[in-house]
Amino acid sequence: MAQTPDREAYRYPAPVDEHAADGAPGAEQWLSLTWAQAAARVEAVAAGLMSLGVRPEERIAISCSTRIEWILTDMGIMCAGAAVTAIYPSTNADETSFILEDSGSRGVVVEDAKQLAKILGECGHLARAAFVVTIDGSPSDEQRGVLSLDELRSAAGPTSRRARRRSATPSPRSAATSWRR
């Protein structure tokens, strides 16, 4: 990655926008991320989580279908030193509530309004979930403790250097470790 920062790291589908060649509803286009772009997004997620007070070994849940934001958020959580609790988006509200409570997840990243409604509705009584991040859409002003993914990434501020340092120096007790010989 360090030797090829401008090489393509990921290709992923995205809904067609008004600038794409095929503007048909429901059509997708394939976009690319370089290693440097992916690293910057992962670092921004890690730093944003750290700015919210996420500490090593805490749990952050993700309820999202497989997509590029899931991958980058997963890596951002690990770079913040936390661990991921994965919840299938098809999991019903009762089971989601149990998973969140049992894992002790401090925060939740959701894909869309449907997952957000599940968390805030049925699971809204969760005492440990200090925040919810939504990937698609923007939270309304009444939804306290809910941020968009863009807001999380821009909340990083001066914690970016700390996020880089934390992810580069895992301990044997870290949720994800890499051992060098």
C-alpha atoms as a PDB file:
ATOM      1  CA  MET A   1       0.000   0.000   0.000  1.00  0.00           C
ATOM      2  CA  ALA A   2       2.740   2.481   0.904  1.00  0.00           C
ATOM      3  CA  GLN A   3       4.582   1.666  -2.314  1.00  0.00           C
ATOM      4  CA  THR A   4       1.517   2.015  -4.542  1.00  0.00           C
ATOM      5  CA  PRO A   5      -0.773   4.646  -2.962  1.00  0.00           C
ATOM      6  CA  ASP A   6      -2.237   5.735  -6.294  1.00  0.00           C
ATOM      7  CA  ARG A   7      -3.094   2.220  -7.503  1.00  0.00           C
ATOM      8  CA  GLU A   8      -6.662   1.026  -7.442  1.00  0.00           C
ATOM      9  CA  ALA A   9      -7.552  -0.688  -4.178  1.00  0.00           C
ATOM     10  CA  TYR A  10     -11.318  -1.166  -4.572  1.00  0.00           C
ATOM     11  CA  ARG A  11     -13.963  -1.070  -7.293  1.00  0.00           C
ATOM     12  CA  TYR A  12     -17.499  -0.813  -6.056  1.00  0.00           C
ATOM     13  CA  PRO A  13     -20.997  -0.227  -7.447  1.00  0.00           C
ATOM     14  CA  ALA A  14     -22.730   3.070  -6.775  1.00  0.00           C
ATOM     15  CA  PRO A  15     -26.076   4.430  -7.936  1.00  0.00           C
ATOM     16  CA  VAL A  16     -25.860   6.339 -11.190  1.00  0.00           C
ATOM     17  CA  ASP A  17     -25.771  10.087 -10.745  1.00  0.00           C
ATOM     18  CA  GLU A  18     -26.717  12.805 -13.194  1.00  0.00           C
ATOM     19  CA  HIS A  19     -23.156  12.854 -14.567  1.00  0.00           C
ATOM     20  CA  ALA A  20     -23.048   9.177 -15.545  1.00  0.00           C
ATOM     21  CA  ALA A  21     -23.520   8.005 -19.124  1.00  0.00           C
ATOM     22  CA  ASP A  22     -26.608   5.923 -18.277  1.00  0.00           C
ATOM     23  CA  GLY A  23     -29.029   7.951 -16.180  1.00  0.00           C
ATOM     24  CA  ALA A  24     -31.656   5.171 -16.004  1.00  0.00           C
ATOM     25  CA  PRO A  25     -33.314   4.774 -12.582  1.00  0.00           C
ATOM     26  CA  GLY A  26     -31.762   1.942 -10.584  1.00  0.00           C
ATOM     27  CA  ALA A  27     -28.693   1.794 -12.802  1.00  0.00           C
ATOM     28  CA  GLU A  28     -25.286   1.425 -11.210  1.00  0.00           C
ATOM     29  CA  GLN A  29     -21.851   2.624 -12.136  1.00  0.00           C
ATOM     30  CA  TRP A  30     -18.542   1.256 -10.942  1.00  0.00           C
ATOM     31  CA  LEU A  31     -16.277   3.622  -9.037  1.00  0.00           C
ATOM     32  CA  SER A  32     -12.703   3.195  -7.826  1.00  0.00           C
ATOM     33  CA  LEU A  33     -10.794   4.033  -4.673  1.00  0.00           C
ATOM     34  CA  THR A  34      -7.021   4.162  -4.555  1.00  0.00           C
ATOM     35  CA  TRP A  35      -5.083   2.808  -1.595  1.00  0.00           C
ATOM     36  CA  ALA A  36      -4.424   6.383  -0.440  1.00  0.00           C
ATOM     37  CA  GLN A  37      -8.116   7.331  -0.683  1.00  0.00           C
ATOM     38  CA  ALA A  38      -9.183   4.191   1.181  1.00  0.00           C
ATOM     39  CA  ALA A  39      -6.589   4.831   3.895  1.00  0.00           C
ATOM     40  CA  ALA A  40      -7.783   8.428   4.295  1.00  0.00           C
ATOM     41  CA  ARG A  41     -11.418   7.314   4.698  1.00  0.00           C
ATOM     42  CA  VAL A  42     -10.482   4.574   7.181  1.00  0.00           C
ATOM     43  CA  GLU A  43      -8.366   7.014   9.175  1.00  0.00           C
ATOM     44  CA  ALA A  44     -11.200   9.578   9.190  1.00  0.00           C
ATOM     45  CA  VAL A  45     -13.645   6.975  10.555  1.00  0.00           C
ATOM     46  CA  ALA A  46     -11.140   5.912  13.235  1.00  0.00           C
ATOM     47  CA  ALA A  47     -10.433   9.512  14.220  1.00  0.00           C
ATOM     48  CA  GLY A  48     -14.147  10.357  14.243  1.00  0.00           C
ATOM     49  CA  LEU A  49     -14.865   7.425  16.551  1.00  0.00           C
ATOM     50  CA  MET A  50     -11.997   8.448  18.813  1.00  0.00           C
ATOM     51  CA  SER A  51     -13.371  12.011  18.938  1.00  0.00           C
ATOM     52  CA  LEU A  52     -16.611  10.460  20.241  1.00  0.00           C
ATOM     53  CA  GLY A  53     -14.614   8.835  23.025  1.00  0.00           C
ATOM     54  CA  VAL A  54     -14.344   5.306  21.623  1.00  0.00           C
ATOM     55  CA  ARG A  55     -11.538   3.500  23.440  1.00  0.00           C
ATOM     56  CA  PRO A  56      -9.593   0.338  22.620  1.00  0.00           C
ATOM     57  CA  GLU A  57     -11.489  -2.924  23.074  1.00  0.00           C
ATOM     58  CA  GLU A  58     -14.919  -1.278  23.092  1.00  0.00           C
ATOM     59  CA  ARG A  59     -17.532  -2.708  20.727  1.00  0.00           C
ATOM     60  CA  ILE A  60     -19.145  -0.865  17.825  1.00  0.00           C
ATOM     61  CA  ALA A  61     -21.970  -2.586  15.923  1.00  0.00           C
ATOM     62  CA  ILE A  62     -22.569  -2.409  12.171  1.00  0.00           C
ATOM     63  CA  SER A  63     -25.992  -3.194  10.690  1.00  0.00           C
ATOM     64  CA  CYS A  64     -25.476  -2.881   6.959  1.00  0.00           C
ATOM     65  CA  SER A  65     -25.467  -4.881   3.743  1.00  0.00           C
ATOM     66  CA  THR A  66     -22.158  -5.653   2.063  1.00  0.00           C
ATOM     67  CA  ARG A  67     -20.870  -2.450   0.475  1.00  0.00           C
ATOM     68  CA  ILE A  68     -17.718  -0.337   0.375  1.00  0.00           C
ATOM     69  CA  GLU A  69     -18.797   1.784   3.362  1.00  0.00           C
ATOM     70  CA  TRP A  70     -19.146  -1.384   5.453  1.00  0.00           C
ATOM     71  CA  ILE A  71     -15.588  -2.416   4.596  1.00  0.00           C
ATOM     72  CA  LEU A  72     -14.077   1.010   5.307  1.00  0.00           C
ATOM     73  CA  THR A  73     -16.095   1.466   8.521  1.00  0.00           C
ATOM     74  CA  ASP A  74     -15.074  -2.001   9.712  1.00  0.00           C
ATOM     75  CA  MET A  75     -11.410  -1.124   9.182  1.00  0.00           C
ATOM     76  CA  GLY A  76     -11.911   2.294  10.801  1.00  0.00           C
ATOM     77  CA  ILE A  77     -13.377   0.668  13.898  1.00  0.00           C
ATOM     78  CA  MET A  78     -10.391  -1.672  14.140  1.00  0.00           C
ATOM     79  CA  CYS A  79      -7.946   1.213  13.585  1.00  0.00           C
ATOM     80  CA  ALA A  80      -9.600   3.008  16.513  1.00  0.00           C
ATOM     81  CA  GLY A  81      -8.714  -0.089  18.543  1.00  0.00           C
ATOM     82  CA  ALA A  82     -12.332  -1.172  18.939  1.00  0.00           C
ATOM     83  CA  ALA A  83     -14.016  -4.416  17.880  1.00  0.00           C
ATOM     84  CA  VAL A  84     -16.865  -4.884  15.416  1.00  0.00           C
ATOM     85  CA  THR A  85     -20.178  -6.503  16.274  1.00  0.00           C
ATOM     86  CA  ALA A  86     -21.813  -7.435  12.965  1.00  0.00           C
ATOM     87  CA  ILE A  87     -25.602  -7.477  12.727  1.00  0.00           C
ATOM     88  CA  TYR A  88     -27.312  -8.674   9.557  1.00  0.00           C
ATOM     89  CA  PRO A  89     -29.674  -5.991   8.269  1.00  0.00           C
ATOM     90  CA  SER A  90     -32.385  -8.661   8.067  1.00  0.00           C
ATOM     91  CA  THR A  91     -32.124  -9.336  11.818  1.00  0.00           C
ATOM     92  CA  ASN A  92     -35.384  -8.386  13.517  1.00  0.00           C
ATOM     93  CA  ALA A  93     -35.594  -5.684  16.182  1.00  0.00           C
ATOM     94  CA  ASP A  94     -35.762  -8.075  19.172  1.00  0.00           C
ATOM     95  CA  GLU A  95     -32.665  -9.991  18.077  1.00  0.00           C
ATOM     96  CA  THR A  96     -30.856  -6.759  17.200  1.00  0.00           C
ATOM     97  CA  SER A  97     -31.604  -5.438  20.674  1.00  0.00           C
ATOM     98  CA  PHE A  98     -30.287  -8.648  22.243  1.00  0.00           C
ATOM     99  CA  ILE A  99     -27.078  -8.560  20.157  1.00  0.00           C
ATOM    100  CA  LEU A 100     -26.427  -4.925  21.065  1.00  0.00           C
ATOM    101  CA  GLU A 101     -27.057  -5.500  24.766  1.00  0.00           C
ATOM    102  CA  ASP A 102     -25.127  -8.774  24.927  1.00  0.00           C
ATOM    103  CA  SER A 103     -22.108  -7.369  23.086  1.00  0.00           C
ATOM    104  CA  GLY A 104     -22.095  -4.152  25.096  1.00  0.00           C
ATOM    105  CA  SER A 105     -21.789  -2.166  21.876  1.00  0.00           C
ATOM    106  CA  ARG A 106     -21.071   1.479  22.652  1.00  0.00           C
ATOM    107  CA  GLY A 107     -22.243   2.712  19.259  1.00  0.00           C
ATOM    108  CA  VAL A 108     -24.022   1.504  16.147  1.00  0.00           C
ATOM    109  CA  VAL A 109     -23.408   2.171  12.448  1.00  0.00           C
ATOM    110  CA  VAL A 110     -26.539   1.620  10.353  1.00  0.00           C
ATOM    111  CA  GLU A 111     -27.007   1.581   6.609  1.00  0.00           C
ATOM    112  CA  ASP A 112     -30.220   3.510   6.101  1.00  0.00           C
ATOM    113  CA  ALA A 113     -33.468   4.881   7.509  1.00  0.00           C
ATOM    114  CA  LYS A 114     -34.918   1.362   7.923  1.00  0.00           C
ATOM    115  CA  GLN A 115     -32.039   0.219  10.144  1.00  0.00           C
ATOM    116  CA  LEU A 116     -32.061   3.557  11.976  1.00  0.00           C
ATOM    117  CA  ALA A 117     -35.794   3.205  12.729  1.00  0.00           C
ATOM    118  CA  LYS A 118     -35.150  -0.289  14.080  1.00  0.00           C
ATOM    119  CA  ILE A 119     -32.425   1.002  16.419  1.00  0.00           C
ATOM    120  CA  LEU A 120     -34.275   4.116  17.576  1.00  0.00           C
ATOM    121  CA  GLY A 121     -37.674   2.415  17.776  1.00  0.00           C
ATOM    122  CA  GLU A 122     -37.551  -1.050  19.272  1.00  0.00           C
ATOM    123  CA  CYS A 123     -33.974  -0.783  20.472  1.00  0.00           C
ATOM    124  CA  GLY A 124     -34.191   2.850  21.589  1.00  0.00           C
ATOM    125  CA  HIS A 125     -33.989   1.906  25.250  1.00  0.00           C
ATOM    126  CA  LEU A 126     -30.359   0.806  24.952  1.00  0.00           C
ATOM    127  CA  ALA A 127     -28.357   2.532  27.650  1.00  0.00           C
ATOM    128  CA  ARG A 128     -24.889   1.735  26.316  1.00  0.00           C
ATOM    129  CA  ALA A 129     -25.321   2.927  22.714  1.00  0.00           C
ATOM    130  CA  ALA A 130     -23.935   6.432  23.037  1.00  0.00           C
ATOM    131  CA  PHE A 131     -24.266   7.203  19.331  1.00  0.00           C
ATOM    132  CA  VAL A 132     -25.653   5.975  16.022  1.00  0.00           C
ATOM    133  CA  VAL A 133     -24.035   6.681  12.638  1.00  0.00           C
ATOM    134  CA  THR A 134     -26.101   6.388   9.468  1.00  0.00           C
ATOM    135  CA  ILE A 135     -24.388   5.675   6.144  1.00  0.00           C
ATOM    136  CA  ASP A 136     -27.219   6.764   3.827  1.00  0.00           C
ATOM    137  CA  GLY A 137     -29.158   9.917   4.476  1.00  0.00           C
ATOM    138  CA  SER A 138     -28.909  12.613   7.086  1.00  0.00           C
ATOM    139  CA  PRO A 139     -30.423  12.406  10.550  1.00  0.00           C
ATOM    140  CA  SER A 140     -33.106  14.900  11.491  1.00  0.00           C
ATOM    141  CA  ASP A 141     -32.492  17.561  14.115  1.00  0.00           C
ATOM    142  CA  GLU A 142     -34.705  15.656  16.603  1.00  0.00           C
ATOM    143  CA  GLN A 143     -32.486  12.558  16.445  1.00  0.00           C
ATOM    144  CA  ARG A 144     -29.929  13.339  19.129  1.00  0.00           C
ATOM    145  CA  GLY A 145     -26.846  11.163  19.160  1.00  0.00           C
ATOM    146  CA  VAL A 146     -27.309  10.323  15.458  1.00  0.00           C
ATOM    147  CA  LEU A 147     -24.648  11.384  12.963  1.00  0.00           C
ATOM    148  CA  SER A 148     -24.228  10.823   9.261  1.00  0.00           C
ATOM    149  CA  LEU A 149     -21.094   8.985   8.139  1.00  0.00           C
ATOM    150  CA  ASP A 150     -19.866  12.248   6.592  1.00  0.00           C
ATOM    151  CA  GLU A 151     -20.343  14.040   9.934  1.00  0.00           C
ATOM    152  CA  LEU A 152     -18.427  11.281  11.723  1.00  0.00           C
ATOM    153  CA  ARG A 153     -15.532  11.534   9.272  1.00  0.00           C
ATOM    154  CA  SER A 154     -15.388  15.326   9.539  1.00  0.00           C
ATOM    155  CA  ALA A 155     -15.512  15.186  13.354  1.00  0.00           C
ATOM    156  CA  ALA A 156     -11.967  13.812  13.353  1.00  0.00           C
ATOM    157  CA  GLY A 157     -10.078  17.074  13.797  1.00  0.00           C
ATOM    158  CA  PRO A 158      -6.769  16.735  15.668  1.00  0.00           C
ATOM    159  CA  THR A 159      -7.426  13.088  16.584  1.00  0.00           C
ATOM    160  CA  SER A 160      -6.244  11.952  13.126  1.00  0.00           C
ATOM    161  CA  ARG A 161      -2.637  11.687  14.289  1.00  0.00           C
ATOM    162  CA  ARG A 162      -3.729   9.774  17.390  1.00  0.00           C
ATOM    163  CA  ALA A 163      -5.785   7.415  15.192  1.00  0.00           C
ATOM    164  CA  ARG A 164      -2.751   6.757  12.990  1.00  0.00           C
ATOM    165  CA  ARG A 165      -0.606   6.106  16.057  1.00  0.00           C
ATOM    166  CA  ARG A 166      -3.217   3.861  17.709  1.00  0.00           C
ATOM    167  CA  SER A 167      -3.657   1.707  14.600  1.00  0.00           C
ATOM    168  CA  ALA A 168       0.105   1.435  14.089  1.00  0.00           C
ATOM    169  CA  THR A 169       0.820   0.271  17.639  1.00  0.00           C
ATOM    170  CA  PRO A 170      -1.551  -2.566  18.555  1.00  0.00           C
ATOM    171  CA  SER A 171      -0.982  -4.418  21.781  1.00  0.00           C
ATOM    172  CA  PRO A 172      -1.352  -8.173  22.280  1.00  0.00           C
ATOM    173  CA  ARG A 173      -4.765  -7.374  23.834  1.00  0.00           C
ATOM    174  CA  SER A 174      -5.967  -5.357  20.815  1.00  0.00           C
ATOM    175  CA  ALA A 175      -9.073  -6.506  18.979  1.00  0.00           C
ATOM    176  CA  ALA A 176      -6.979  -6.875  15.828  1.00  0.00           C
ATOM    177  CA  THR A 177      -3.234  -7.279  15.992  1.00  0.00           C
ATOM    178  CA  SER A 178      -0.474  -7.682  13.467  1.00  0.00           C
ATOM    179  CA  TRP A 179       2.776  -9.256  14.461  1.00  0.00           C
ATOM    180  CA  ARG A 180       5.949  -8.353  12.621  1.00  0.00           C
ATOM    181  CA  ARG A 181       9.026 -10.516  12.567  1.00  0.00           C
END
